[in-house]
Protein backbone atom coordinates (compact mmCIF):
# COMPACT_ATOMS: atom_id res chain seq x y z
CA MET A 1 -0.08 0.22 -0.21
CA ASP A 2 1.34 3.21 -1.10
CA CYS A 3 0.27 7.21 -0.84
CA LEU A 4 -3.00 6.57 1.81
CA LYS A 5 -5.37 9.58 1.87
CA ALA A 6 -8.06 9.19 4.63
CA ILE A 7 -11.07 10.92 5.54
CA LYS A 8 -13.27 10.61 8.70
CA ILE A 9 -16.56 9.87 7.40
CA ASN A 10 -18.27 10.03 10.95
CA THR A 11 -17.06 9.43 14.29
CA ASN A 12 -15.98 5.74 13.82
CA LYS A 13 -15.53 4.98 10.04
CA PHE A 14 -12.95 6.59 7.78
CA ILE A 15 -12.52 5.90 4.17
CA SER A 16 -9.48 6.19 2.05
CA VAL A 17 -7.87 5.69 -1.16
CA PHE A 18 -4.41 4.38 -2.07
CA HIS A 19 -2.07 2.92 -5.03
CA SER A 20 -0.58 -0.45 -5.21
CA SER A 21 1.01 -2.99 -7.60
CA ILE A 22 1.20 -5.74 -5.84
CA GLU A 23 -1.84 -6.89 -8.05
CA GLN A 24 -0.56 -5.46 -10.96
CA LYS A 25 2.82 -7.42 -11.60
CA ILE A 26 2.36 -8.32 -14.83
CA SER A 27 1.34 -4.78 -16.05
CA GLY A 28 4.07 -3.27 -14.41
CA TYR A 29 1.16 -0.69 -13.30
CA ASN A 30 0.33 0.91 -9.98
CA ALA A 31 -4.05 0.23 -9.23
CA LEU A 32 -5.80 2.49 -7.42
CA TYR A 33 -8.06 1.34 -4.50
CA LEU A 34 -10.96 2.54 -2.26
CA ALA A 35 -10.49 1.01 1.86
CA GLU A 36 -12.48 2.16 4.67
CA MET A 37 -11.47 1.51 8.42
CA LYS A 38 -14.18 1.22 11.30
CA ASN A 39 -12.61 2.63 14.55
CA ASP A 40 -15.32 -0.07 16.48
CA TYR A 41 -12.15 -1.27 19.03
CA LEU A 42 -12.87 -4.79 17.74
CA ASP A 43 -11.64 -4.29 14.03
CA ALA A 44 -9.49 -1.83 13.72
CA GLY A 45 -7.45 -2.07 10.39
CA TRP A 46 -8.18 -0.96 6.64
CA THR A 47 -10.23 -3.20 4.66
CA LYS A 48 -9.58 -2.84 0.76
CA VAL A 49 -13.43 -2.13 -0.49
CA ILE A 50 -12.67 -2.07 -4.12
CA LYS A 51 -10.65 -1.12 -7.20
CA LEU A 52 -11.16 1.94 -8.82
CA SER A 53 -8.84 2.08 -11.86
CA GLU A 54 -6.32 -0.29 -13.05
CA ARG A 55 -3.84 2.03 -13.79
CA GLY A 56 -3.87 4.66 -11.69
CA SER A 57 -1.61 6.76 -8.57
CA GLN A 58 -1.61 9.50 -6.25
CA GLY A 59 -5.60 9.24 -5.53
CA TYR A 60 -7.13 12.23 -3.40
CA LEU A 61 -10.27 12.27 -2.04
CA TYR A 62 -12.12 15.92 -1.21
CA GLU A 63 -15.19 15.90 0.43
CA THR A 64 -17.71 17.79 -1.23
CA PRO A 65 -18.95 20.71 1.18
CA LEU A 66 -22.60 21.14 -0.21
CA THR A 67 -23.67 17.95 -1.00
CA LYS A 68 -21.52 15.70 1.03
CA GLY A 69 -20.56 13.22 -1.51
CA LEU A 70 -17.11 12.67 -2.34
CA LEU A 71 -14.84 13.42 -5.34
CA VAL A 72 -11.77 11.56 -6.13
CA LEU A 73 -8.86 12.66 -8.10
CA TYR A 74 -5.54 10.76 -9.18
CA GLU A 75 -3.07 10.18 -11.96
CA LEU A 76 -3.57 8.12 -14.74
């Protein structure tokens, strides 16, 4: 896992984007992933949720102020 960018969603949940080449060894590129962490003291680790892009790096999350939606930016 490289370049983790995390934001707090609520009191006990964080989401993040990160890039990694661990599953992309054949293609030689980084892939971009979304992960979450629930801070409930029983399971305090990051869990990969979905692969956002087969070729992506330097992911960044922004919470949009008016809609509370999320904007994901990354380098291709």
